[in-house]
Amino acid sequence: MKHIFLVDDSATMLMSLKGTLEISGFKVDTASDGELALSRLQQGLKPDLIITDINMPRMDGIALIREARKLLRFIPILALTTESQQGKREDAKKNGATGWLVKPVGGAELLSVIRQVLPGA
């Protein structure tokens, strides 16, 4: 069973995504901001995929991606955000993001992208 780590400051978004992913057979952990997520990763959490929002309090998704890359070099990281600006996408990619999804994202689209970046999903 593949393990996905969701990071988003919206409880509604976390609940919705977690439900979709668990129904599809994934193990899911969540964090409500980048700082909490980084702490969990530093404590040894090793997911197969990280999906993070960009705009969050305390530590945004770009900073989380940059710091997560120092710990987990080869794990795919997807940015899932309302941001559609090219500059933000380039910044995320420069810091180690594997891909970018714009909210709202449907379950079928999300699962399709996960299968592309996560072999065996």
N, C-alpha and C. Protein backbone atom coordinates (compact mmCIF):
# COMPACT_ATOMS: atom_id res chain seq x y z
N MET A 1 0.84 -1.18 0.00
CA MET A 1 0.00 0.00 0.00
C MET A 1 0.89 1.25 0.00
N LYS A 2 0.68 2.12 -0.96
CA LYS A 2 1.46 3.36 -1.07
C LYS A 2 0.99 4.36 -0.01
N HIS A 3 1.94 5.13 0.49
CA HIS A 3 1.71 6.06 1.60
C HIS A 3 1.83 7.50 1.09
N ILE A 4 0.77 8.28 1.26
CA ILE A 4 0.74 9.68 0.80
C ILE A 4 0.62 10.61 2.00
N PHE A 5 1.41 11.67 1.99
CA PHE A 5 1.40 12.69 3.04
C PHE A 5 0.78 13.96 2.47
N LEU A 6 -0.39 14.34 3.00
CA LEU A 6 -1.11 15.54 2.55
C LEU A 6 -0.84 16.69 3.50
N VAL A 7 -0.54 17.86 2.93
CA VAL A 7 -0.28 19.05 3.76
C VAL A 7 -1.14 20.19 3.22
N ASP A 8 -2.07 20.68 4.05
CA ASP A 8 -2.96 21.77 3.63
C ASP A 8 -3.54 22.40 4.89
N ASP A 9 -3.66 23.73 4.91
CA ASP A 9 -4.23 24.39 6.08
C ASP A 9 -5.76 24.36 6.09
N SER A 10 -6.38 23.87 5.03
CA SER A 10 -7.84 23.74 4.98
C SER A 10 -8.26 22.35 5.45
N ALA A 11 -8.95 22.32 6.60
CA ALA A 11 -9.41 21.03 7.14
C ALA A 11 -10.36 20.35 6.15
N THR A 12 -11.18 21.14 5.47
CA THR A 12 -12.12 20.59 4.49
C THR A 12 -11.37 19.93 3.34
N MET A 13 -10.34 20.60 2.84
CA MET A 13 -9.54 20.04 1.74
C MET A 13 -8.85 18.76 2.19
N LEU A 14 -8.26 18.76 3.40
CA LEU A 14 -7.60 17.55 3.90
C LEU A 14 -8.58 16.40 4.00
N MET A 15 -9.75 16.66 4.54
CA MET A 15 -10.76 15.61 4.72
C MET A 15 -11.20 15.04 3.37
N SER A 16 -11.45 15.93 2.42
CA SER A 16 -11.90 15.51 1.09
C SER A 16 -10.83 14.68 0.37
N LEU A 17 -9.60 15.20 0.35
CA LEU A 17 -8.52 14.47 -0.33
C LEU A 17 -8.20 13.15 0.36
N LYS A 18 -8.18 13.17 1.68
CA LYS A 18 -7.88 11.95 2.43
C LYS A 18 -8.91 10.88 2.12
N GLY A 19 -10.19 11.26 2.11
CA GLY A 19 -11.25 10.31 1.81
C GLY A 19 -11.10 9.71 0.42
N THR A 20 -10.85 10.56 -0.56
CA THR A 20 -10.66 10.10 -1.95
C THR A 20 -9.50 9.11 -2.04
N LEU A 21 -8.39 9.46 -1.39
CA LEU A 21 -7.19 8.62 -1.49
C LEU A 21 -7.35 7.31 -0.73
N GLU A 22 -7.96 7.35 0.45
CA GLU A 22 -8.14 6.12 1.23
C GLU A 22 -9.08 5.16 0.51
N ILE A 23 -10.15 5.68 -0.09
CA ILE A 23 -11.07 4.83 -0.85
C ILE A 23 -10.34 4.17 -2.02
N SER A 24 -9.32 4.87 -2.54
CA SER A 24 -8.55 4.34 -3.67
C SER A 24 -7.40 3.44 -3.23
N GLY A 25 -7.32 3.15 -1.93
CA GLY A 25 -6.35 2.18 -1.45
C GLY A 25 -5.02 2.72 -0.95
N PHE A 26 -4.94 4.02 -0.70
CA PHE A 26 -3.70 4.60 -0.19
C PHE A 26 -3.75 4.76 1.31
N LYS A 27 -2.59 4.66 1.96
CA LYS A 27 -2.44 5.03 3.37
C LYS A 27 -2.18 6.53 3.35
N VAL A 28 -2.87 7.29 4.21
CA VAL A 28 -2.76 8.75 4.17
C VAL A 28 -2.45 9.33 5.55
N ASP A 29 -1.43 10.19 5.61
CA ASP A 29 -1.15 11.01 6.79
C ASP A 29 -1.38 12.45 6.40
N THR A 30 -1.70 13.31 7.39
CA THR A 30 -1.96 14.71 7.08
C THR A 30 -1.23 15.63 8.06
N ALA A 31 -1.02 16.87 7.61
CA ALA A 31 -0.52 17.95 8.46
C ALA A 31 -1.20 19.23 8.02
N SER A 32 -1.43 20.16 8.96
CA SER A 32 -2.19 21.37 8.66
C SER A 32 -1.32 22.57 8.27
N ASP A 33 -0.01 22.41 8.28
CA ASP A 33 0.87 23.47 7.76
C ASP A 33 2.26 22.89 7.51
N GLY A 34 3.09 23.69 6.84
CA GLY A 34 4.41 23.23 6.47
C GLY A 34 5.33 22.93 7.65
N GLU A 35 5.20 23.71 8.70
CA GLU A 35 6.06 23.50 9.87
C GLU A 35 5.76 22.14 10.52
N LEU A 36 4.48 21.83 10.69
CA LEU A 36 4.10 20.52 11.26
C LEU A 36 4.56 19.39 10.34
N ALA A 37 4.39 19.59 9.04
CA ALA A 37 4.79 18.57 8.07
C ALA A 37 6.29 18.32 8.14
N LEU A 38 7.08 19.39 8.16
CA LEU A 38 8.53 19.24 8.22
C LEU A 38 8.94 18.53 9.50
N SER A 39 8.30 18.86 10.60
CA SER A 39 8.59 18.21 11.88
C SER A 39 8.35 16.70 11.78
N ARG A 40 7.23 16.31 11.18
CA ARG A 40 6.91 14.88 11.02
C ARG A 40 7.96 14.20 10.15
N LEU A 41 8.40 14.87 9.08
CA LEU A 41 9.42 14.29 8.20
C LEU A 41 10.75 14.17 8.94
N GLN A 42 11.09 15.16 9.73
CA GLN A 42 12.34 15.12 10.50
C GLN A 42 12.31 14.02 11.55
N GLN A 43 11.11 13.68 12.02
CA GLN A 43 10.94 12.61 13.00
C GLN A 43 10.93 11.22 12.37
N GLY A 44 11.07 11.17 11.03
CA GLY A 44 11.20 9.88 10.39
C GLY A 44 10.07 9.43 9.49
N LEU A 45 9.03 10.25 9.34
CA LEU A 45 7.95 9.88 8.42
C LEU A 45 8.52 9.80 7.01
N LYS A 46 8.29 8.67 6.32
CA LYS A 46 8.83 8.47 4.98
C LYS A 46 7.71 8.05 4.02
N PRO A 47 6.93 9.02 3.55
CA PRO A 47 5.85 8.69 2.62
C PRO A 47 6.40 8.38 1.22
N ASP A 48 5.54 7.79 0.39
CA ASP A 48 5.91 7.54 -1.01
C ASP A 48 5.68 8.77 -1.87
N LEU A 49 4.82 9.69 -1.39
CA LEU A 49 4.46 10.90 -2.14
C LEU A 49 4.01 11.96 -1.14
N ILE A 50 4.40 13.23 -1.41
CA ILE A 50 3.92 14.37 -0.62
C ILE A 50 3.09 15.24 -1.55
N ILE A 51 1.91 15.64 -1.06
CA ILE A 51 1.06 16.59 -1.78
C ILE A 51 0.87 17.78 -0.84
N THR A 52 1.33 18.96 -1.26
CA THR A 52 1.26 20.12 -0.39
C THR A 52 0.61 21.33 -1.04
N ASP A 53 -0.13 22.06 -0.21
CA ASP A 53 -0.65 23.36 -0.60
C ASP A 53 0.54 24.32 -0.65
N ILE A 54 0.39 25.43 -1.33
CA ILE A 54 1.45 26.44 -1.37
C ILE A 54 1.22 27.53 -0.32
N ASN A 55 0.03 28.08 -0.26
CA ASN A 55 -0.27 29.19 0.67
C ASN A 55 -0.77 28.65 2.00
N MET A 56 0.14 28.64 3.00
CA MET A 56 -0.20 28.16 4.34
C MET A 56 0.48 29.05 5.37
N PRO A 57 -0.09 29.10 6.59
CA PRO A 57 0.56 29.88 7.65
C PRO A 57 1.82 29.16 8.16
N ARG A 58 2.65 29.88 8.86
CA ARG A 58 3.88 29.41 9.52
C ARG A 58 4.98 28.97 8.57
N MET A 59 4.71 28.10 7.63
CA MET A 59 5.69 27.73 6.60
C MET A 59 4.91 27.39 5.35
N ASP A 60 5.19 28.12 4.26
CA ASP A 60 4.44 27.86 3.03
C ASP A 60 4.95 26.61 2.32
N GLY A 61 4.23 26.23 1.28
CA GLY A 61 4.56 25.00 0.56
C GLY A 61 5.90 25.04 -0.15
N ILE A 62 6.32 26.21 -0.64
CA ILE A 62 7.61 26.32 -1.33
C ILE A 62 8.74 26.02 -0.34
N ALA A 63 8.66 26.61 0.86
CA ALA A 63 9.68 26.36 1.89
C ALA A 63 9.65 24.89 2.31
N LEU A 64 8.45 24.32 2.44
CA LEU A 64 8.34 22.90 2.80
C LEU A 64 8.99 22.03 1.74
N ILE A 65 8.71 22.31 0.48
CA ILE A 65 9.31 21.52 -0.61
C ILE A 65 10.83 21.60 -0.53
N ARG A 66 11.36 22.81 -0.36
CA ARG A 66 12.81 23.00 -0.29
C ARG A 66 13.42 22.20 0.87
N GLU A 67 12.79 22.27 2.05
CA GLU A 67 13.32 21.58 3.23
C GLU A 67 13.11 20.07 3.14
N ALA A 68 11.98 19.65 2.59
CA ALA A 68 11.70 18.21 2.43
C ALA A 68 12.71 17.57 1.49
N ARG A 69 13.12 18.31 0.47
CA ARG A 69 14.10 17.79 -0.50
C ARG A 69 15.44 17.49 0.16
N LYS A 70 15.77 18.18 1.23
CA LYS A 70 17.02 17.93 1.96
C LYS A 70 16.97 16.58 2.68
N LEU A 71 15.74 16.16 3.03
CA LEU A 71 15.54 14.90 3.77
C LEU A 71 15.20 13.74 2.84
N LEU A 72 14.40 14.00 1.83
CA LEU A 72 13.85 12.96 0.96
C LEU A 72 14.10 13.35 -0.49
N ARG A 73 15.25 13.02 -1.01
CA ARG A 73 15.66 13.53 -2.32
C ARG A 73 14.84 13.00 -3.48
N PHE A 74 14.36 11.76 -3.39
CA PHE A 74 13.77 11.13 -4.58
C PHE A 74 12.26 10.91 -4.50
N ILE A 75 11.63 11.33 -3.42
CA ILE A 75 10.19 11.15 -3.28
C ILE A 75 9.47 12.24 -4.08
N PRO A 76 8.47 11.88 -4.90
CA PRO A 76 7.74 12.91 -5.65
C PRO A 76 6.98 13.85 -4.71
N ILE A 77 6.97 15.13 -5.06
CA ILE A 77 6.23 16.14 -4.31
C ILE A 77 5.36 16.91 -5.29
N LEU A 78 4.05 16.89 -5.03
CA LEU A 78 3.10 17.64 -5.86
C LEU A 78 2.61 18.86 -5.11
N ALA A 79 2.58 20.00 -5.80
CA ALA A 79 1.98 21.21 -5.25
C ALA A 79 0.52 21.23 -5.69
N LEU A 80 -0.39 21.39 -4.75
CA LEU A 80 -1.83 21.45 -5.02
C LEU A 80 -2.32 22.77 -4.47
N THR A 81 -2.66 23.72 -5.34
CA THR A 81 -2.92 25.08 -4.87
C THR A 81 -3.90 25.82 -5.76
N THR A 82 -4.41 26.92 -5.24
CA THR A 82 -5.26 27.80 -6.04
C THR A 82 -4.42 28.71 -6.93
N GLU A 83 -3.12 28.77 -6.67
CA GLU A 83 -2.21 29.62 -7.46
C GLU A 83 -2.05 29.06 -8.87
N SER A 84 -2.14 29.92 -9.85
CA SER A 84 -1.90 29.46 -11.22
C SER A 84 -0.81 30.29 -11.90
N GLN A 85 -0.17 31.18 -11.14
CA GLN A 85 0.88 32.04 -11.69
C GLN A 85 2.10 31.22 -12.11
N GLN A 86 2.62 31.51 -13.29
CA GLN A 86 3.77 30.80 -13.81
C GLN A 86 4.99 30.96 -12.90
N GLY A 87 5.17 32.15 -12.33
CA GLY A 87 6.31 32.40 -11.45
C GLY A 87 6.31 31.49 -10.24
N LYS A 88 5.14 31.28 -9.65
CA LYS A 88 5.02 30.38 -8.49
C LYS A 88 5.35 28.94 -8.90
N ARG A 89 4.87 28.54 -10.06
CA ARG A 89 5.16 27.19 -10.55
C ARG A 89 6.67 26.99 -10.71
N GLU A 90 7.30 27.98 -11.33
CA GLU A 90 8.75 27.88 -11.55
C GLU A 90 9.51 27.84 -10.23
N ASP A 91 9.05 28.63 -9.25
CA ASP A 91 9.67 28.65 -7.93
C ASP A 91 9.53 27.28 -7.27
N ALA A 92 8.34 26.69 -7.36
CA ALA A 92 8.10 25.37 -6.78
C ALA A 92 9.01 24.33 -7.44
N LYS A 93 9.08 24.38 -8.77
CA LYS A 93 9.90 23.42 -9.50
C LYS A 93 11.38 23.59 -9.16
N LYS A 94 11.83 24.83 -9.09
CA LYS A 94 13.23 25.13 -8.76
C LYS A 94 13.59 24.57 -7.37
N ASN A 95 12.61 24.56 -6.46
CA ASN A 95 12.85 24.07 -5.12
C ASN A 95 12.60 22.58 -4.96
N GLY A 96 12.20 21.90 -6.05
CA GLY A 96 12.11 20.46 -6.00
C GLY A 96 10.75 19.83 -6.23
N ALA A 97 9.73 20.63 -6.58
CA ALA A 97 8.41 20.05 -6.83
C ALA A 97 8.44 19.20 -8.10
N THR A 98 7.77 18.08 -8.04
CA THR A 98 7.68 17.17 -9.18
C THR A 98 6.58 17.60 -10.14
N GLY A 99 5.48 18.15 -9.59
CA GLY A 99 4.35 18.54 -10.42
C GLY A 99 3.48 19.56 -9.72
N TRP A 100 2.46 20.04 -10.43
CA TRP A 100 1.62 21.15 -9.98
C TRP A 100 0.18 20.89 -10.37
N LEU A 101 -0.73 20.99 -9.43
CA LEU A 101 -2.16 20.85 -9.68
C LEU A 101 -2.88 22.08 -9.16
N VAL A 102 -3.83 22.59 -9.93
CA VAL A 102 -4.59 23.76 -9.50
C VAL A 102 -5.93 23.32 -8.91
N LYS A 103 -6.25 23.81 -7.69
CA LYS A 103 -7.53 23.54 -7.04
C LYS A 103 -8.63 24.29 -7.77
N PRO A 104 -9.84 23.78 -7.80
CA PRO A 104 -10.21 22.46 -7.29
C PRO A 104 -9.81 21.37 -8.28
N VAL A 105 -9.36 20.27 -7.74
CA VAL A 105 -8.97 19.14 -8.59
C VAL A 105 -9.92 17.98 -8.31
N GLY A 106 -10.41 17.36 -9.36
CA GLY A 106 -11.32 16.23 -9.21
C GLY A 106 -10.58 14.98 -8.80
N GLY A 107 -11.29 14.05 -8.21
CA GLY A 107 -10.67 12.80 -7.77
C GLY A 107 -10.00 12.03 -8.88
N ALA A 108 -10.67 11.94 -10.04
CA ALA A 108 -10.10 11.19 -11.18
C ALA A 108 -8.82 11.84 -11.68
N GLU A 109 -8.81 13.18 -11.76
CA GLU A 109 -7.61 13.89 -12.21
C GLU A 109 -6.47 13.70 -11.20
N LEU A 110 -6.78 13.82 -9.92
CA LEU A 110 -5.77 13.64 -8.87
C LEU A 110 -5.15 12.25 -8.95
N LEU A 111 -6.01 11.24 -9.05
CA LEU A 111 -5.51 9.86 -9.11
C LEU A 111 -4.69 9.62 -10.37
N SER A 112 -5.07 10.22 -11.47
CA SER A 112 -4.31 10.09 -12.72
C SER A 112 -2.90 10.66 -12.56
N VAL A 113 -2.79 11.83 -11.95
CA VAL A 113 -1.47 12.45 -11.75
C VAL A 113 -0.65 11.61 -10.77
N ILE A 114 -1.28 11.13 -9.71
CA ILE A 114 -0.56 10.29 -8.74
C ILE A 114 0.01 9.06 -9.44
N ARG A 115 -0.77 8.43 -10.29
CA ARG A 115 -0.27 7.24 -11.00
C ARG A 115 0.89 7.56 -11.93
N GLN A 116 0.93 8.81 -12.44
CA GLN A 116 2.04 9.21 -13.32
C GLN A 116 3.34 9.40 -12.54
N VAL A 117 3.25 9.95 -11.33
CA VAL A 117 4.47 10.27 -10.57
C VAL A 117 4.86 9.20 -9.55
N LEU A 118 3.96 8.27 -9.28
CA LEU A 118 4.21 7.25 -8.27
C LEU A 118 4.06 5.85 -8.86
N PRO A 119 5.17 5.28 -9.32
CA PRO A 119 5.10 3.95 -9.94
C PRO A 119 4.46 2.92 -9.00
N GLY A 120 3.58 2.11 -9.56
CA GLY A 120 2.92 1.06 -8.78
C GLY A 120 1.71 1.54 -7.99
N ALA A 121 1.33 2.81 -8.16
CA ALA A 121 0.17 3.33 -7.41
C ALA A 121 -1.13 2.84 -8.00
